[in-house]
Amino acid sequence: MKGRLSRLGRLNLDEYRVLRREIRSPKDFDRFQIPNYVLPSILTQKFVESVIKRFRMYKPERIARIWKEKKTLNIRLPPVLRLKLLLKGLGYSKSEIANILKNPHEAGDLEDLVWSAVTKDFIYSPIAVKFQTVKGKVGERLIERFK
């Protein structure tokens, strides 16, 4: 499917399934001639469903132990969720974790790791969450106009 859309600019179910299967990262967006607001939504939906399936299998204490031993986090979760699990396993509270994500310079030895996570994560980083909120408000306004 080299970027074809159905009539009226809408995806049919088969086209959606192909897109969902083939899109794996934002780097894939250029492969499809689809409006730029559609592909990020599909990719986000795909990632969130994947995270929901896997998130519970990771225990913060185990993540912290692996980090202390290997200084690496090779787990299949988005960067900010990996970081949150690590910080929780290291004994940080929810409010401390939220503060560190908003102010990476306050993370001490983990500052580089925090910066890396918040700049790479296009779903769970504070920047991405703000963007999703704005996008939702724009959508609500559009719906209001057509009521």
N, C-alpha and C. Protein backbone atom coordinates (compact mmCIF):
# COMPACT_ATOMS: atom_id res chain seq x y z
N MET A 1 0.85 -1.18 0.00
CA MET A 1 0.00 0.00 0.00
C MET A 1 0.89 1.23 0.00
N LYS A 2 1.22 1.73 -1.13
CA LYS A 2 2.13 2.87 -1.21
C LYS A 2 1.35 4.16 -1.04
N GLY A 3 0.75 4.33 0.17
CA GLY A 3 0.15 5.60 0.51
C GLY A 3 -1.19 5.90 -0.13
N ARG A 4 -1.91 4.91 -0.59
CA ARG A 4 -3.22 5.17 -1.19
C ARG A 4 -4.28 5.31 -0.13
N LEU A 5 -5.19 6.22 -0.36
CA LEU A 5 -6.34 6.40 0.52
C LEU A 5 -7.60 6.02 -0.23
N SER A 6 -8.60 5.57 0.50
CA SER A 6 -9.90 5.29 -0.10
C SER A 6 -10.55 6.58 -0.56
N ARG A 7 -11.69 6.44 -1.21
CA ARG A 7 -12.45 7.63 -1.59
C ARG A 7 -12.74 8.47 -0.36
N LEU A 8 -12.91 9.75 -0.54
CA LEU A 8 -13.23 10.71 0.51
C LEU A 8 -12.10 10.86 1.53
N GLY A 9 -10.91 10.34 1.25
CA GLY A 9 -9.78 10.53 2.15
C GLY A 9 -9.84 9.71 3.43
N ARG A 10 -10.66 8.70 3.46
CA ARG A 10 -10.78 7.87 4.66
C ARG A 10 -10.13 6.52 4.42
N LEU A 11 -9.58 5.95 5.48
CA LEU A 11 -9.01 4.62 5.41
C LEU A 11 -10.12 3.59 5.55
N ASN A 12 -10.08 2.56 4.72
CA ASN A 12 -11.00 1.46 4.99
C ASN A 12 -10.30 0.50 5.95
N LEU A 13 -11.00 -0.49 6.42
CA LEU A 13 -10.46 -1.38 7.45
C LEU A 13 -9.21 -2.12 6.96
N ASP A 14 -9.23 -2.58 5.72
CA ASP A 14 -8.05 -3.29 5.20
C ASP A 14 -6.83 -2.37 5.14
N GLU A 15 -7.03 -1.13 4.70
CA GLU A 15 -5.92 -0.17 4.64
C GLU A 15 -5.38 0.12 6.04
N TYR A 16 -6.30 0.28 6.99
CA TYR A 16 -5.89 0.51 8.38
C TYR A 16 -5.05 -0.65 8.90
N ARG A 17 -5.49 -1.86 8.63
CA ARG A 17 -4.75 -3.05 9.11
C ARG A 17 -3.35 -3.11 8.51
N VAL A 18 -3.23 -2.79 7.23
CA VAL A 18 -1.91 -2.78 6.58
C VAL A 18 -1.03 -1.72 7.22
N LEU A 19 -1.57 -0.52 7.40
CA LEU A 19 -0.80 0.56 8.05
C LEU A 19 -0.35 0.14 9.43
N ARG A 20 -1.27 -0.39 10.20
CA ARG A 20 -0.96 -0.78 11.58
C ARG A 20 0.14 -1.83 11.62
N ARG A 21 0.10 -2.76 10.69
CA ARG A 21 1.11 -3.82 10.66
C ARG A 21 2.47 -3.28 10.22
N GLU A 22 2.48 -2.35 9.26
CA GLU A 22 3.75 -1.90 8.67
C GLU A 22 4.42 -0.76 9.41
N ILE A 23 3.68 0.03 10.15
CA ILE A 23 4.28 1.17 10.83
C ILE A 23 4.88 0.72 12.16
N ARG A 24 6.17 1.04 12.36
CA ARG A 24 6.86 0.59 13.57
C ARG A 24 7.49 1.72 14.36
N SER A 25 7.73 2.85 13.69
CA SER A 25 8.34 4.00 14.36
C SER A 25 8.03 5.26 13.55
N PRO A 26 8.29 6.43 14.14
CA PRO A 26 8.06 7.67 13.38
C PRO A 26 8.86 7.74 12.08
N LYS A 27 9.94 6.98 11.99
CA LYS A 27 10.74 6.96 10.76
C LYS A 27 9.94 6.42 9.58
N ASP A 28 8.90 5.64 9.86
CA ASP A 28 8.08 5.05 8.80
C ASP A 28 7.05 6.02 8.22
N PHE A 29 6.85 7.17 8.83
CA PHE A 29 5.80 8.10 8.39
C PHE A 29 5.95 8.52 6.94
N ASP A 30 7.18 8.70 6.48
CA ASP A 30 7.41 9.17 5.11
C ASP A 30 7.04 8.13 4.05
N ARG A 31 6.87 6.89 4.45
CA ARG A 31 6.52 5.83 3.49
C ARG A 31 5.09 5.91 3.00
N PHE A 32 4.26 6.66 3.71
CA PHE A 32 2.83 6.68 3.39
C PHE A 32 2.37 8.10 3.10
N GLN A 33 1.56 8.24 2.08
CA GLN A 33 1.02 9.55 1.72
C GLN A 33 -0.34 9.70 2.41
N ILE A 34 -0.26 9.84 3.70
CA ILE A 34 -1.45 9.92 4.54
C ILE A 34 -1.31 11.18 5.38
N PRO A 35 -2.41 11.86 5.70
CA PRO A 35 -2.30 13.08 6.52
C PRO A 35 -1.46 12.84 7.78
N ASN A 36 -0.64 13.84 8.12
CA ASN A 36 0.34 13.69 9.20
C ASN A 36 -0.27 13.49 10.58
N TYR A 37 -1.54 13.69 10.75
CA TYR A 37 -2.15 13.46 12.06
C TYR A 37 -2.63 12.02 12.21
N VAL A 38 -2.73 11.27 11.13
CA VAL A 38 -3.25 9.91 11.19
C VAL A 38 -2.19 8.92 11.66
N LEU A 39 -1.02 8.98 11.05
CA LEU A 39 0.03 8.00 11.36
C LEU A 39 0.50 8.04 12.82
N PRO A 40 0.75 9.22 13.40
CA PRO A 40 1.14 9.22 14.81
C PRO A 40 0.05 8.63 15.71
N SER A 41 -1.20 8.85 15.36
CA SER A 41 -2.29 8.30 16.17
C SER A 41 -2.30 6.77 16.10
N ILE A 42 -2.10 6.23 14.92
CA ILE A 42 -2.08 4.78 14.76
C ILE A 42 -0.88 4.19 15.50
N LEU A 43 0.29 4.81 15.36
CA LEU A 43 1.49 4.31 16.03
C LEU A 43 1.34 4.39 17.55
N THR A 44 0.80 5.49 18.04
CA THR A 44 0.59 5.64 19.48
C THR A 44 -0.35 4.57 20.00
N GLN A 45 -1.44 4.35 19.29
CA GLN A 45 -2.40 3.31 19.69
C GLN A 45 -1.72 1.94 19.74
N LYS A 46 -0.91 1.65 18.75
CA LYS A 46 -0.20 0.37 18.69
C LYS A 46 0.76 0.21 19.87
N PHE A 47 1.51 1.26 20.17
CA PHE A 47 2.46 1.22 21.28
C PHE A 47 1.74 1.06 22.62
N VAL A 48 0.69 1.82 22.83
CA VAL A 48 -0.03 1.77 24.11
C VAL A 48 -0.60 0.38 24.34
N GLU A 49 -1.19 -0.22 23.31
CA GLU A 49 -1.72 -1.58 23.46
C GLU A 49 -0.61 -2.57 23.79
N SER A 50 0.53 -2.40 23.17
CA SER A 50 1.67 -3.27 23.45
C SER A 50 2.15 -3.12 24.89
N VAL A 51 2.21 -1.88 25.37
CA VAL A 51 2.65 -1.60 26.74
C VAL A 51 1.67 -2.21 27.74
N ILE A 52 0.39 -2.08 27.48
CA ILE A 52 -0.62 -2.63 28.39
C ILE A 52 -0.43 -4.13 28.54
N LYS A 53 -0.10 -4.81 27.46
CA LYS A 53 0.11 -6.27 27.51
C LYS A 53 1.34 -6.65 28.33
N ARG A 54 2.41 -5.84 28.25
CA ARG A 54 3.69 -6.23 28.84
C ARG A 54 4.03 -5.57 30.17
N PHE A 55 3.43 -4.44 30.48
CA PHE A 55 3.88 -3.63 31.61
C PHE A 55 3.90 -4.39 32.93
N ARG A 56 2.89 -5.17 33.21
CA ARG A 56 2.79 -5.85 34.51
C ARG A 56 3.85 -6.90 34.74
N MET A 57 4.47 -7.38 33.70
CA MET A 57 5.47 -8.42 33.88
C MET A 57 6.80 -7.87 34.42
N TYR A 58 6.96 -6.55 34.41
CA TYR A 58 8.19 -5.94 34.90
C TYR A 58 8.02 -5.45 36.33
N LYS A 59 8.89 -5.88 37.21
CA LYS A 59 8.86 -5.50 38.62
C LYS A 59 9.94 -4.46 38.89
N PRO A 60 9.58 -3.33 39.50
CA PRO A 60 10.56 -2.25 39.75
C PRO A 60 11.81 -2.70 40.48
N GLU A 61 11.66 -3.56 41.45
CA GLU A 61 12.83 -4.01 42.23
C GLU A 61 13.80 -4.79 41.34
N ARG A 62 13.26 -5.61 40.46
CA ARG A 62 14.10 -6.39 39.55
C ARG A 62 14.80 -5.46 38.56
N ILE A 63 14.07 -4.46 38.06
CA ILE A 63 14.65 -3.49 37.12
C ILE A 63 15.81 -2.76 37.80
N ALA A 64 15.61 -2.34 39.04
CA ALA A 64 16.67 -1.63 39.78
C ALA A 64 17.89 -2.53 39.99
N ARG A 65 17.65 -3.80 40.30
CA ARG A 65 18.76 -4.74 40.51
C ARG A 65 19.56 -4.91 39.22
N ILE A 66 18.88 -5.08 38.10
CA ILE A 66 19.56 -5.22 36.81
C ILE A 66 20.36 -3.96 36.50
N TRP A 67 19.76 -2.79 36.77
CA TRP A 67 20.44 -1.52 36.51
C TRP A 67 21.73 -1.42 37.34
N LYS A 68 21.65 -1.79 38.59
CA LYS A 68 22.82 -1.69 39.47
C LYS A 68 23.93 -2.63 39.01
N GLU A 69 23.54 -3.80 38.49
CA GLU A 69 24.53 -4.79 38.05
C GLU A 69 25.12 -4.45 36.68
N LYS A 70 24.25 -4.07 35.73
CA LYS A 70 24.68 -3.94 34.34
C LYS A 70 24.68 -2.52 33.79
N LYS A 71 24.07 -1.58 34.51
CA LYS A 71 23.93 -0.19 34.05
C LYS A 71 23.25 -0.11 32.68
N THR A 72 22.30 -0.99 32.46
CA THR A 72 21.52 -0.99 31.23
C THR A 72 20.10 -1.45 31.52
N LEU A 73 19.18 -1.03 30.66
CA LEU A 73 17.77 -1.41 30.81
C LEU A 73 17.25 -1.97 29.49
N ASN A 74 17.57 -3.21 29.22
CA ASN A 74 17.11 -3.83 27.98
C ASN A 74 15.76 -4.49 28.19
N ILE A 75 14.74 -3.66 28.33
CA ILE A 75 13.38 -4.16 28.43
C ILE A 75 12.54 -3.47 27.38
N ARG A 76 11.55 -4.18 26.87
CA ARG A 76 10.75 -3.68 25.75
C ARG A 76 9.61 -2.79 26.23
N LEU A 77 9.97 -1.61 26.67
CA LEU A 77 9.00 -0.59 27.06
C LEU A 77 9.51 0.76 26.55
N PRO A 78 8.62 1.71 26.37
CA PRO A 78 9.07 3.05 25.98
C PRO A 78 10.02 3.63 27.03
N PRO A 79 10.93 4.50 26.63
CA PRO A 79 11.98 5.01 27.52
C PRO A 79 11.49 5.60 28.85
N VAL A 80 10.43 6.38 28.83
CA VAL A 80 9.96 7.00 30.08
C VAL A 80 9.39 5.95 31.03
N LEU A 81 8.70 4.94 30.51
CA LEU A 81 8.18 3.89 31.39
C LEU A 81 9.31 3.06 31.99
N ARG A 82 10.34 2.79 31.20
CA ARG A 82 11.52 2.09 31.74
C ARG A 82 12.12 2.90 32.88
N LEU A 83 12.26 4.20 32.65
CA LEU A 83 12.84 5.09 33.65
C LEU A 83 11.97 5.13 34.91
N LYS A 84 10.66 5.23 34.75
CA LYS A 84 9.77 5.26 35.91
C LYS A 84 9.89 3.98 36.74
N LEU A 85 9.97 2.84 36.07
CA LEU A 85 10.14 1.57 36.80
C LEU A 85 11.46 1.55 37.55
N LEU A 86 12.52 2.02 36.90
CA LEU A 86 13.83 2.07 37.54
C LEU A 86 13.78 2.97 38.77
N LEU A 87 13.26 4.18 38.61
CA LEU A 87 13.22 5.11 39.73
C LEU A 87 12.37 4.57 40.88
N LYS A 88 11.26 3.94 40.55
CA LYS A 88 10.42 3.34 41.60
C LYS A 88 11.20 2.24 42.31
N GLY A 89 11.91 1.43 41.54
CA GLY A 89 12.71 0.36 42.13
C GLY A 89 13.86 0.88 42.98
N LEU A 90 14.32 2.09 42.69
CA LEU A 90 15.39 2.72 43.47
C LEU A 90 14.85 3.46 44.69
N GLY A 91 13.52 3.43 44.86
CA GLY A 91 12.92 4.01 46.06
C GLY A 91 12.35 5.41 45.92
N TYR A 92 12.28 5.94 44.71
CA TYR A 92 11.70 7.27 44.52
C TYR A 92 10.17 7.19 44.63
N SER A 93 9.56 8.24 45.16
CA SER A 93 8.10 8.31 45.25
C SER A 93 7.53 8.79 43.91
N LYS A 94 6.21 8.67 43.75
CA LYS A 94 5.57 9.13 42.51
C LYS A 94 5.80 10.62 42.28
N SER A 95 5.71 11.40 43.33
CA SER A 95 5.91 12.85 43.16
C SER A 95 7.36 13.16 42.82
N GLU A 96 8.30 12.43 43.40
CA GLU A 96 9.71 12.63 43.06
C GLU A 96 9.99 12.26 41.61
N ILE A 97 9.36 11.17 41.15
CA ILE A 97 9.53 10.73 39.76
C ILE A 97 8.96 11.78 38.81
N ALA A 98 7.78 12.28 39.12
CA ALA A 98 7.15 13.32 38.27
C ALA A 98 8.04 14.55 38.21
N ASN A 99 8.61 14.94 39.34
CA ASN A 99 9.50 16.11 39.39
C ASN A 99 10.76 15.88 38.55
N ILE A 100 11.33 14.69 38.64
CA ILE A 100 12.55 14.38 37.88
C ILE A 100 12.27 14.42 36.39
N LEU A 101 11.10 13.92 35.98
CA LEU A 101 10.76 13.94 34.55
C LEU A 101 10.60 15.37 34.04
N LYS A 102 10.09 16.25 34.89
CA LYS A 102 9.91 17.64 34.49
C LYS A 102 11.21 18.45 34.62
N ASN A 103 12.09 17.99 35.50
CA ASN A 103 13.34 18.70 35.78
C ASN A 103 14.51 17.71 35.79
N PRO A 104 14.92 17.22 34.64
CA PRO A 104 15.98 16.21 34.60
C PRO A 104 17.27 16.62 35.28
N HIS A 105 17.55 17.91 35.35
CA HIS A 105 18.78 18.37 36.00
C HIS A 105 18.79 18.06 37.50
N GLU A 106 17.64 17.70 38.06
CA GLU A 106 17.57 17.35 39.49
C GLU A 106 17.74 15.84 39.73
N ALA A 107 18.10 15.10 38.69
CA ALA A 107 18.19 13.63 38.80
C ALA A 107 19.55 13.13 39.26
N GLY A 108 20.48 14.04 39.53
CA GLY A 108 21.80 13.61 40.00
C GLY A 108 22.52 12.74 38.98
N ASP A 109 22.99 11.57 39.42
CA ASP A 109 23.75 10.66 38.55
C ASP A 109 22.93 10.14 37.37
N LEU A 110 21.62 10.21 37.47
CA LEU A 110 20.75 9.69 36.42
C LEU A 110 20.31 10.76 35.41
N GLU A 111 20.89 11.95 35.50
CA GLU A 111 20.44 13.05 34.64
C GLU A 111 20.52 12.69 33.15
N ASP A 112 21.62 12.11 32.70
CA ASP A 112 21.75 11.77 31.28
C ASP A 112 20.68 10.76 30.85
N LEU A 113 20.42 9.79 31.72
CA LEU A 113 19.40 8.78 31.44
C LEU A 113 18.02 9.42 31.34
N VAL A 114 17.72 10.36 32.23
CA VAL A 114 16.44 11.05 32.21
C VAL A 114 16.30 11.88 30.94
N TRP A 115 17.32 12.66 30.61
CA TRP A 115 17.27 13.46 29.38
C TRP A 115 17.06 12.57 28.16
N SER A 116 17.75 11.47 28.11
CA SER A 116 17.61 10.55 26.98
C SER A 116 16.17 10.04 26.88
N ALA A 117 15.61 9.65 28.00
CA ALA A 117 14.24 9.11 28.01
C ALA A 117 13.22 10.16 27.57
N VAL A 118 13.30 11.35 28.15
CA VAL A 118 12.26 12.35 27.85
C VAL A 118 12.40 12.93 26.44
N THR A 119 13.57 12.85 25.85
CA THR A 119 13.71 13.37 24.49
C THR A 119 13.41 12.31 23.43
N LYS A 120 13.48 11.05 23.78
CA LYS A 120 13.22 9.98 22.81
C LYS A 120 11.78 9.47 22.84
N ASP A 121 11.12 9.59 23.96
CA ASP A 121 9.80 8.99 24.13
C ASP A 121 8.71 9.91 23.58
N PHE A 122 8.07 9.47 22.50
CA PHE A 122 7.06 10.30 21.85
C PHE A 122 5.64 9.99 22.33
N ILE A 123 5.53 9.19 23.38
CA ILE A 123 4.21 8.86 23.93
C ILE A 123 4.08 9.25 25.39
N TYR A 124 5.06 8.90 26.23
CA TYR A 124 4.92 9.06 27.67
C TYR A 124 5.74 10.19 28.28
N SER A 125 6.53 10.90 27.48
CA SER A 125 7.32 12.00 28.03
C SER A 125 6.40 13.17 28.37
N PRO A 126 6.81 14.05 29.27
CA PRO A 126 5.98 15.22 29.58
C PRO A 126 5.65 16.06 28.34
N ILE A 127 6.57 16.18 27.43
CA ILE A 127 6.33 16.94 26.20
C ILE A 127 5.25 16.26 25.36
N ALA A 128 5.36 14.94 25.20
CA ALA A 128 4.39 14.20 24.41
C ALA A 128 3.00 14.27 25.04
N VAL A 129 2.93 14.20 26.37
CA VAL A 129 1.64 14.27 27.05
C VAL A 129 1.00 15.65 26.82
N LYS A 130 1.79 16.70 26.89
CA LYS A 130 1.26 18.05 26.61
C LYS A 130 0.74 18.14 25.18
N PHE A 131 1.48 17.60 24.26
CA PHE A 131 1.07 17.63 22.86
C PHE A 131 -0.24 16.87 22.68
N GLN A 132 -0.37 15.70 23.29
CA GLN A 132 -1.60 14.92 23.18
C GLN A 132 -2.78 15.66 23.80
N THR A 133 -2.54 16.38 24.88
CA THR A 133 -3.59 17.18 25.52
C THR A 133 -4.06 18.28 24.58
N VAL A 134 -3.12 18.98 23.97
CA VAL A 134 -3.47 20.05 23.02
C VAL A 134 -4.24 19.46 21.84
N LYS A 135 -3.76 18.35 21.33
CA LYS A 135 -4.42 17.70 20.20
C LYS A 135 -5.86 17.31 20.57
N GLY A 136 -6.06 16.81 21.77
CA GLY A 136 -7.40 16.46 22.24
C GLY A 136 -8.31 17.67 22.33
N LYS A 137 -7.79 18.79 22.84
CA LYS A 137 -8.58 20.02 22.95
C LYS A 137 -8.96 20.56 21.57
N VAL A 138 -8.04 20.47 20.62
CA VAL A 138 -8.35 20.90 19.26
C VAL A 138 -9.46 20.02 18.69
N GLY A 139 -9.35 18.72 18.92
CA GLY A 139 -10.39 17.80 18.44
C GLY A 139 -11.74 18.11 19.06
N GLU A 140 -11.76 18.41 20.37
CA GLU A 140 -13.01 18.75 21.03
C GLU A 140 -13.62 20.02 20.44
N ARG A 141 -12.79 21.00 20.15
CA ARG A 141 -13.29 22.25 19.55
C ARG A 141 -13.87 22.00 18.16
N LEU A 142 -13.21 21.15 17.40
CA LEU A 142 -13.72 20.82 16.07
C LEU A 142 -15.09 20.14 16.18
N ILE A 143 -15.22 19.24 17.13
CA ILE A 143 -16.50 18.55 17.32
C ILE A 143 -17.58 19.56 17.71
N GLU A 144 -17.23 20.48 18.60
CA GLU A 144 -18.20 21.51 19.02
C GLU A 144 -18.69 22.33 17.83
N ARG A 145 -17.82 22.64 16.90
CA ARG A 145 -18.18 23.46 15.74
C ARG A 145 -19.19 22.75 14.85
N PHE A 146 -19.16 21.43 14.84
CA PHE A 146 -20.02 20.68 13.94
C PHE A 146 -21.26 20.12 14.61
N LYS A 147 -21.51 20.50 15.86
CA LYS A 147 -22.71 20.02 16.56
C LYS A 147 -23.94 20.73 16.06
